Amino acid sequence: MAYPKSSLVLALLLAFISIVLATPMTYNVVSLGAKADGKTDSTRVFVSAWTKACASVKPAIIYVPAGRFYLRQVVFSGPCKNNAIIMRIVGTLVAPSDYRVLGNTGKWLVFEHVYGVTISGGVLDGQGTGLWACKASGNSCPSGASTLQFSNSNNVVVRALTSLNSQLFHIVVNGCHNVKMQGVRVTAAGNSPNTDGIHVQLSSSVTILDSKIGTGDDCISIGPGTTNLWIENVACGPGHGISIGSLGKDLQEAGVKNVTVKTVTFTGTQNGLRIKSWGRPSNGFARNILFQHAVMMNVQNPIFSGVKISDVTYQDIHGTSATEVAVKFDCSPGNPCSRIRLENVKLTYKNQVAQASCSHADGTSTGFVQPTSCL
C-alpha cells in the first residue's frame, strides 16, 4: 500500500530530527581557551565547557586533547539537561604543585548530582608528593584533597583512567548508584599516607573491574552504607589490601552488605582481605560477603577480620604470608563473628605451614584448609 506523500515527508522529518538530537555536541577545551602547557590556569575554561555540556539537550562530549592542563578545584554540578555527557581525556589534568592551594578543600575534581556521566581515558596528576613530605616531617599540614569524587550521582562510568600521586584518596564514590569503573590505574608511593585507591561509601550497585592499584593505603576501601558491590580482576600492591571498614565509628551507622571480591592478586601488601572495625558500640555491620579466587604473594596479613561480621565466605584463597599468622579473626565478645566459611584455603609462611588465630569467631571450613581452621 502506498503511503500519502505528507506521511512520508513527516516520517523523514522525524527521522532527521532524531538523528540530529542523537548527535553529540563536542566542546574542545583548547578551542574554548585552555592552554596545554601545565602552567596556565585552565579552571575557568573547564567550568565553561561543563556549563555548556550540562545545558545541552543533546548528548555532549567534553574533549581534552594531548598536553598538560593545570586546574585548581573544579566542581562539575548537575543535574543537567541531558543524561549522556562524556569527558574524553587524551592529555593530563594537573593539580597545583603547591599543596596549600588544594590542601584544605578536601577535593580536587568533583562531580555532584550528575546522571549519565562517563570519564574516559587520560591521566589525573594530583602532585601529592609535597604534602606527603610535609606529613612525614611532623610539621602542621593540611589534610589534603582527594583527586576525583562522585557525590549523589547515578549511572556513572569511569574507564581507562589513570590517577597519579593523589594528596589524599584517589577516587571517591559517595552517595551514588550504578557506578562502573573499568581499566583504572592508580599509582602512588607505598609510603604515601591516606592515599586509598578507590573508596566507596553510602553507595549501591558499584562495579570495579580489570584495574591495577598500587598506593600507600587501601587499594580499595569499602565504607559504611555500601551495598551490592562487585570487585573483579584487580591487582593490588603496594598498599594495605582490600578493606571493608573501618566500621563502627558511630553509634548509628549504615552497614555493609552484598559484597563480592573475586579474582584478585595481592603483592607485598600489608593486608589481603580485611574487615576492620573501631570496636566500640555501634549498630553497623558487615554481612553477606564473598572473597573468592585470591592470590597472596608475601602479604603480611592475608586474612584479617574485626568485629560485627557475619556470613562471610573465603573461597579459593592461596599464596604466601609475610607473617606467621596468616589467618586472623579478632572479634569482640559482645559482637562475635558468626557464620564464617573457609573453603579451599592454602597460605604458607616461609615455605612452612602458617598459623591461624581466632577470637570470638564461629564458622565452618570445607575442602583443603591450611593453616588448620581455628573456627
Protein backbone atom coordinates (compact mmCIF):
# COMPACT_ATOMS: atom_id res chain seq x y z
CA MET A 1 0.00 0.00 0.00
CA ALA A 2 1.38 3.41 -0.93
CA TYR A 3 1.73 5.98 1.82
CA PRO A 4 0.44 9.53 1.32
CA LYS A 5 3.20 11.93 0.40
CA SER A 6 2.59 14.02 3.51
CA SER A 7 3.05 10.98 5.77
CA LEU A 8 6.34 10.10 4.09
CA VAL A 9 7.63 13.65 4.49
CA LEU A 10 6.64 13.62 8.17
CA ALA A 11 8.37 10.28 8.75
CA LEU A 12 11.57 11.54 7.11
CA LEU A 13 11.41 14.74 9.12
CA LEU A 14 11.03 12.84 12.40
CA ALA A 15 13.92 10.55 11.47
CA PHE A 16 16.11 13.56 10.68
CA ILE A 17 15.21 15.23 13.99
CA SER A 18 16.03 12.07 15.95
CA ILE A 19 19.43 11.82 14.23
CA VAL A 20 20.19 15.47 14.96
CA LEU A 21 19.20 15.10 18.61
CA ALA A 22 21.31 11.96 18.99
CA THR A 23 24.44 13.55 17.52
CA PRO A 24 26.51 14.77 20.47
CA MET A 25 27.74 18.31 20.86
CA THR A 26 31.54 18.46 21.27
CA TYR A 27 33.30 21.07 23.39
CA ASN A 28 37.08 21.11 22.93
CA VAL A 29 38.69 22.80 25.92
CA VAL A 30 41.56 24.12 23.78
CA SER A 31 39.11 25.70 21.38
CA LEU A 32 37.49 27.33 24.40
CA GLY A 33 40.81 28.79 25.55
CA ALA A 34 42.59 26.20 27.69
CA LYS A 35 46.38 26.03 27.45
CA ALA A 36 48.12 22.64 27.38
CA ASP A 37 51.34 23.88 28.97
CA GLY A 38 50.82 22.59 32.52
CA LYS A 39 51.18 26.11 33.94
CA THR A 40 48.35 28.32 32.68
CA ASP A 41 45.27 28.08 34.88
CA SER A 42 42.53 26.42 32.80
CA THR A 43 39.99 26.08 35.60
CA ARG A 44 37.51 28.61 34.21
CA VAL A 45 37.66 27.05 30.75
CA PHE A 46 36.81 23.59 32.11
CA VAL A 47 33.93 25.07 34.10
CA SER A 48 32.72 26.80 30.94
CA ALA A 49 32.92 23.58 28.94
CA TRP A 50 30.93 21.76 31.61
CA THR A 51 28.31 24.50 31.77
CA LYS A 52 27.77 24.26 28.01
CA ALA A 53 27.66 20.45 28.03
CA CYS A 54 25.30 20.37 31.00
CA ALA A 55 22.94 22.89 29.40
CA SER A 56 22.77 20.96 26.12
CA VAL A 57 19.60 19.00 25.45
CA LYS A 58 21.69 16.76 23.18
CA PRO A 59 24.37 14.32 24.36
CA ALA A 60 27.65 16.14 24.88
CA ILE A 61 31.38 15.45 24.75
CA ILE A 62 33.99 17.48 26.60
CA TYR A 63 37.21 16.79 24.74
CA VAL A 64 40.60 17.25 26.43
CA PRO A 65 43.37 16.84 23.83
CA ALA A 66 47.00 15.90 24.45
CA GLY A 67 49.02 18.08 26.78
CA ARG A 68 49.03 19.04 30.46
CA PHE A 69 46.20 21.20 31.79
CA TYR A 70 46.64 22.96 35.13
CA LEU A 71 43.47 23.02 37.23
CA ARG A 72 42.57 24.28 40.66
CA GLN A 73 39.47 22.82 42.31
CA VAL A 74 36.69 22.19 39.79
CA VAL A 75 33.13 21.26 40.76
CA PHE A 76 31.05 19.80 37.92
CA SER A 77 27.48 20.17 39.19
CA GLY A 78 24.18 18.82 37.92
CA PRO A 79 21.51 17.96 37.28
CA CYS A 80 21.95 18.57 33.58
CA LYS A 81 19.53 18.80 30.67
CA ASN A 82 20.88 15.56 29.20
CA ASN A 83 21.95 12.27 30.72
CA ALA A 84 24.83 11.48 28.37
CA ILE A 85 27.94 13.58 28.96
CA ILE A 86 31.35 12.10 28.13
CA MET A 87 34.58 13.69 29.30
CA ARG A 88 37.10 12.24 26.86
CA ILE A 89 40.61 12.88 28.12
CA VAL A 90 43.67 12.30 25.96
CA GLY A 91 46.01 14.50 27.96
CA THR A 92 46.76 15.01 31.65
CA LEU A 93 44.97 17.14 34.23
CA VAL A 94 47.50 18.58 36.67
CA ALA A 95 46.83 19.74 40.22
CA PRO A 96 48.80 22.65 41.74
CA SER A 97 52.23 21.54 42.95
CA ASP A 98 51.82 23.83 45.98
CA TYR A 99 49.74 21.58 48.25
CA ARG A 100 48.39 24.60 50.13
CA VAL A 101 46.23 25.57 47.14
CA LEU A 102 44.03 22.46 47.48
CA GLY A 103 45.10 21.19 50.88
CA ASN A 104 42.09 22.43 52.84
CA THR A 105 39.45 21.93 50.15
CA GLY A 106 39.15 18.16 50.65
CA LYS A 107 38.51 17.54 46.95
CA TRP A 108 40.15 18.47 43.64
CA LEU A 109 37.78 17.32 40.84
CA VAL A 110 34.17 16.85 41.94
CA PHE A 111 31.09 15.58 40.11
CA GLU A 112 27.89 16.07 42.09
CA HIS A 113 24.22 15.46 41.31
CA VAL A 114 25.07 14.19 37.83
CA TYR A 115 23.28 11.40 35.92
CA GLY A 116 24.80 9.56 32.99
CA VAL A 117 28.39 10.85 33.03
CA THR A 118 31.38 8.98 31.59
CA ILE A 119 35.06 9.77 32.23
CA SER A 120 37.12 8.10 29.52
CA GLY A 121 40.91 7.89 29.34
CA GLY A 122 43.52 10.35 30.44
CA VAL A 123 45.70 10.95 33.47
CA LEU A 124 44.94 12.83 36.69
CA ASP A 125 48.15 14.01 38.35
CA GLY A 126 47.46 15.02 41.94
CA GLN A 127 51.08 16.10 42.58
CA GLY A 128 50.78 14.96 46.18
CA THR A 129 54.45 14.33 46.95
CA GLY A 130 54.91 17.73 48.61
CA LEU A 131 52.07 17.10 51.06
CA TRP A 132 53.32 13.59 51.81
CA ALA A 133 56.73 15.04 52.68
CA CYS A 134 55.10 17.66 54.91
CA LYS A 135 53.18 14.98 56.80
CA ALA A 136 56.30 12.83 57.13
CA SER A 137 58.22 15.76 58.65
CA GLY A 138 55.78 16.07 61.54
CA ASN A 139 55.00 19.68 60.69
CA SER A 140 51.49 21.11 60.70
CA CYS A 141 50.00 20.30 57.31
CA PRO A 142 46.57 20.49 55.67
CA SER A 143 44.64 17.23 55.35
CA GLY A 144 44.86 17.26 51.55
CA ALA A 145 42.43 16.79 48.68
CA SER A 146 41.06 13.64 47.10
CA THR A 147 41.69 13.64 43.35
CA LEU A 148 38.29 12.64 41.94
CA GLN A 149 34.98 12.44 43.76
CA PHE A 150 31.48 11.50 42.67
CA SER A 151 28.71 12.52 45.08
CA ASN A 152 24.98 11.88 44.92
CA SER A 153 25.18 10.76 41.30
CA ASN A 154 23.77 7.89 39.22
CA ASN A 155 24.82 5.97 36.11
CA VAL A 156 28.49 6.91 36.18
CA VAL A 157 31.22 5.21 34.11
CA VAL A 158 34.98 5.60 34.61
CA ARG A 159 37.13 3.72 32.12
CA ALA A 160 40.83 3.62 31.19
CA LEU A 161 41.64 6.41 33.64
CA THR A 162 44.99 6.76 35.44
CA SER A 163 45.35 8.56 38.76
CA LEU A 164 48.83 9.51 39.96
CA ASN A 165 50.09 10.74 43.31
CA SER A 166 46.91 11.99 44.91
CA GLN A 167 47.27 14.14 48.00
CA LEU A 168 44.59 12.06 49.69
CA PHE A 169 42.20 9.39 48.31
CA HIS A 170 42.45 8.91 44.55
CA ILE A 171 38.81 8.18 43.66
CA VAL A 172 35.82 8.53 46.00
CA VAL A 173 32.28 7.28 45.32
CA ASN A 174 29.88 8.78 47.87
CA GLY A 175 26.10 8.50 47.84
CA CYS A 176 25.94 7.12 44.30
CA HIS A 177 24.02 4.39 42.46
CA ASN A 178 25.07 2.34 39.43
CA VAL A 179 28.75 3.18 39.02
CA LYS A 180 31.11 1.17 36.80
CA MET A 181 34.89 1.53 36.84
CA GLN A 182 36.95 -0.48 34.39
CA GLY A 183 40.61 -0.38 33.43
CA VAL A 184 41.52 2.08 36.16
CA ARG A 185 45.17 2.53 37.13
CA VAL A 186 46.18 4.08 40.45
CA THR A 187 49.80 4.80 41.33
CA ALA A 188 51.31 6.32 44.45
CA ALA A 189 54.33 5.52 46.64
CA GLY A 190 53.94 2.66 49.09
CA ASN A 191 54.62 5.04 51.99
CA SER A 192 52.25 7.79 50.86
CA PRO A 193 49.76 8.47 53.68
CA ASN A 194 45.97 8.06 53.29
CA THR A 195 46.13 7.65 49.52
CA ASP A 196 43.41 5.00 49.19
CA GLY A 197 42.97 3.93 45.57
CA ILE A 198 39.16 3.72 45.37
CA HIS A 199 36.89 4.47 48.32
CA VAL A 200 33.18 3.59 48.21
CA GLN A 201 30.61 4.61 50.81
CA LEU A 202 26.84 5.10 51.08
CA SER A 203 26.54 3.73 47.54
CA SER A 204 24.87 0.82 45.76
CA SER A 205 25.50 -1.21 42.60
CA VAL A 206 29.15 -0.23 42.17
CA THR A 207 31.38 -2.40 39.94
CA ILE A 208 35.19 -2.25 39.81
CA LEU A 209 36.80 -4.36 37.06
CA ASP A 210 40.16 -5.02 35.41
CA SER A 211 42.14 -2.49 37.44
CA LYS A 212 45.65 -2.16 38.88
CA ILE A 213 46.16 -0.25 42.10
CA GLY A 214 49.39 0.49 43.94
CA THR A 215 49.31 3.02 46.75
CA GLY A 216 50.20 3.82 50.36
CA ASP A 217 46.87 2.83 51.90
CA ASP A 218 43.95 0.56 51.00
CA CYS A 219 43.81 -0.34 47.32
CA ILE A 220 40.03 -0.36 47.71
CA SER A 221 38.28 0.74 50.90
CA ILE A 222 34.61 -0.03 51.48
CA GLY A 223 32.86 2.30 53.89
CA PRO A 224 29.53 2.25 55.73
CA GLY A 225 26.37 2.14 53.64
CA THR A 226 27.90 0.20 50.73
CA THR A 227 25.60 -2.43 49.20
CA ASN A 228 25.80 -4.62 46.09
CA LEU A 229 29.48 -4.02 45.35
CA TRP A 230 31.28 -6.21 42.79
CA ILE A 231 35.09 -6.20 42.52
CA GLU A 232 36.76 -8.48 39.95
CA ASN A 233 40.17 -8.88 38.33
CA VAL A 234 42.03 -6.33 40.43
CA ALA A 235 45.77 -6.34 41.16
CA CYS A 236 46.75 -4.69 44.44
CA GLY A 237 50.22 -3.73 45.60
CA PRO A 238 51.83 -1.94 47.19
CA GLY A 239 49.13 -0.96 49.65
CA HIS A 240 47.05 -2.15 52.58
CA GLY A 241 44.87 -4.56 50.63
CA ILE A 242 41.11 -4.51 50.07
CA SER A 243 39.37 -3.41 53.24
CA ILE A 244 35.81 -3.26 54.45
CA GLY A 245 35.76 -0.50 57.04
CA SER A 246 36.64 0.95 59.32
CA LEU A 247 33.14 0.19 60.59
CA GLY A 248 31.51 1.09 63.87
CA LYS A 249 32.88 4.60 64.26
CA ASP A 250 29.40 5.96 65.01
CA LEU A 251 26.70 4.51 67.24
CA GLN A 252 24.13 4.79 64.43
CA GLU A 253 25.77 3.63 61.22
CA ALA A 254 24.66 2.07 57.94
CA GLY A 255 26.01 -1.43 57.37
CA VAL A 256 27.88 -3.07 54.51
CA LYS A 257 26.24 -5.99 52.70
CA ASN A 258 26.28 -7.98 49.48
CA VAL A 259 29.94 -7.53 48.56
CA THR A 260 31.79 -9.82 46.13
CA VAL A 261 35.56 -9.67 45.67
CA LYS A 262 36.87 -12.22 43.16
CA THR A 263 39.95 -12.94 41.06
CA VAL A 264 42.26 -10.55 42.87
CA THR A 265 46.00 -10.61 43.49
CA PHE A 266 47.93 -9.01 46.34
CA THR A 267 51.68 -8.44 46.03
CA GLY A 268 53.71 -7.26 49.02
CA THR A 269 50.72 -5.64 50.68
CA GLN A 270 50.24 -5.03 54.39
CA ASN A 271 46.93 -6.88 54.32
CA GLY A 272 44.97 -9.01 51.92
CA LEU A 273 41.24 -9.29 52.56
CA ARG A 274 40.41 -7.27 55.63
CA ILE A 275 37.30 -6.31 57.58
CA LYS A 276 38.13 -3.74 60.25
CA SER A 277 36.16 -2.01 62.98
CA TRP A 278 36.61 0.58 65.68
CA GLY A 279 35.47 -1.94 68.29
CA ARG A 280 33.04 0.42 70.00
CA PRO A 281 29.23 0.25 70.48
CA SER A 282 27.52 0.64 67.09
CA ASN A 283 24.70 -0.85 65.03
CA GLY A 284 26.99 -1.03 61.98
CA PHE A 285 27.64 -4.43 60.42
CA ALA A 286 29.18 -6.37 57.53
CA ARG A 287 27.31 -9.37 56.15
CA ASN A 288 26.91 -11.46 53.03
CA ILE A 289 30.49 -11.03 51.89
CA LEU A 290 32.25 -13.32 49.38
CA PHE A 291 36.03 -13.32 48.88
CA GLN A 292 36.80 -15.72 46.02
CA HIS A 293 39.85 -16.68 43.93
CA ALA A 294 42.51 -14.57 45.64
CA VAL A 295 46.27 -14.94 45.28
CA MET A 296 48.55 -13.60 48.02
CA MET A 297 52.25 -13.01 47.40
CA ASN A 298 54.26 -12.09 50.50
CA VAL A 299 51.27 -10.46 52.22
CA GLN A 300 51.68 -9.57 55.91
CA ASN A 301 48.09 -10.33 56.98
CA PRO A 302 46.34 -12.27 54.21
CA ILE A 303 43.01 -12.70 56.06
CA PHE A 304 42.13 -10.36 58.90
CA SER A 305 38.74 -9.52 60.37
CA GLY A 306 37.50 -7.30 63.19
CA VAL A 307 34.07 -7.22 64.76
CA LYS A 308 30.36 -7.26 63.75
CA ILE A 309 30.92 -9.76 60.98
CA SER A 310 28.53 -12.45 59.69
CA ASP A 311 28.01 -14.56 56.57
CA VAL A 312 31.50 -14.11 55.16
CA THR A 313 32.97 -16.71 52.80
CA TYR A 314 36.66 -17.06 51.91
CA GLN A 315 36.85 -19.38 48.90
CA ASP A 316 39.92 -20.43 46.91
CA ILE A 317 42.46 -18.24 48.70
CA HIS A 318 46.08 -19.20 48.30
CA GLY A 319 49.61 -17.83 48.37
CA THR A 320 52.32 -16.76 50.79
CA SER A 321 52.18 -14.81 54.03
CA ALA A 322 54.94 -12.49 55.24
CA THR A 323 53.89 -13.17 58.84
CA GLU A 324 53.50 -16.42 60.73
CA VAL A 325 49.81 -15.81 61.47
CA ALA A 326 48.16 -15.85 58.05
CA VAL A 327 44.52 -16.04 59.13
CA LYS A 328 43.27 -13.86 61.97
CA PHE A 329 39.71 -13.34 63.18
CA ASP A 330 39.90 -10.93 66.10
CA CYS A 331 36.28 -10.37 67.09
CA SER A 332 34.70 -8.87 70.20
CA PRO A 333 32.92 -10.88 72.91
CA GLY A 334 29.92 -8.58 72.65
CA ASN A 335 29.66 -8.93 68.87
CA PRO A 336 31.30 -12.22 67.89
CA CYS A 337 31.91 -13.08 64.25
CA SER A 338 29.42 -15.67 63.05
CA ARG A 339 28.85 -17.90 60.05
CA ILE A 340 32.39 -17.53 58.72
CA ARG A 341 33.20 -20.07 55.99
CA LEU A 342 36.64 -21.12 54.81
CA GLU A 343 36.69 -23.16 51.59
CA ASN A 344 39.90 -24.35 49.92
CA VAL A 345 42.40 -22.03 51.58
CA LYS A 346 46.17 -22.57 51.38
CA LEU A 347 48.52 -19.99 52.83
CA THR A 348 52.14 -20.68 53.75
CA TYR A 349 54.84 -18.80 55.67
CA LYS A 350 58.46 -19.21 54.52
CA ASN A 351 57.54 -22.47 52.79
CA GLN A 352 56.14 -23.78 56.07
CA VAL A 353 52.61 -24.18 57.38
CA ALA A 354 51.30 -20.84 58.62
CA GLN A 355 49.14 -20.31 61.69
CA ALA A 356 45.55 -19.22 62.26
CA SER A 357 44.22 -17.19 65.18
CA CYS A 358 40.56 -16.87 66.20
CA SER A 359 38.99 -14.86 68.96
CA HIS A 360 35.18 -14.98 69.44
CA ALA A 361 34.68 -16.31 65.90
CA ASP A 362 32.39 -19.11 64.81
CA GLY A 363 32.10 -20.82 61.45
CA THR A 364 32.95 -23.81 59.28
CA SER A 365 35.68 -25.00 56.96
CA THR A 366 35.38 -27.28 53.94
CA GLY A 367 37.84 -28.72 51.46
CA PHE A 368 41.56 -28.25 51.97
CA VAL A 369 42.20 -25.51 54.53
CA GLN A 370 45.74 -24.55 55.57
CA PRO A 371 46.54 -23.22 58.08
CA THR A 372 44.21 -25.52 60.00
CA SER A 373 41.00 -23.66 60.73
CA CYS A 374 40.59 -22.28 64.24
CA LEU A 375 36.86 -21.58 63.77
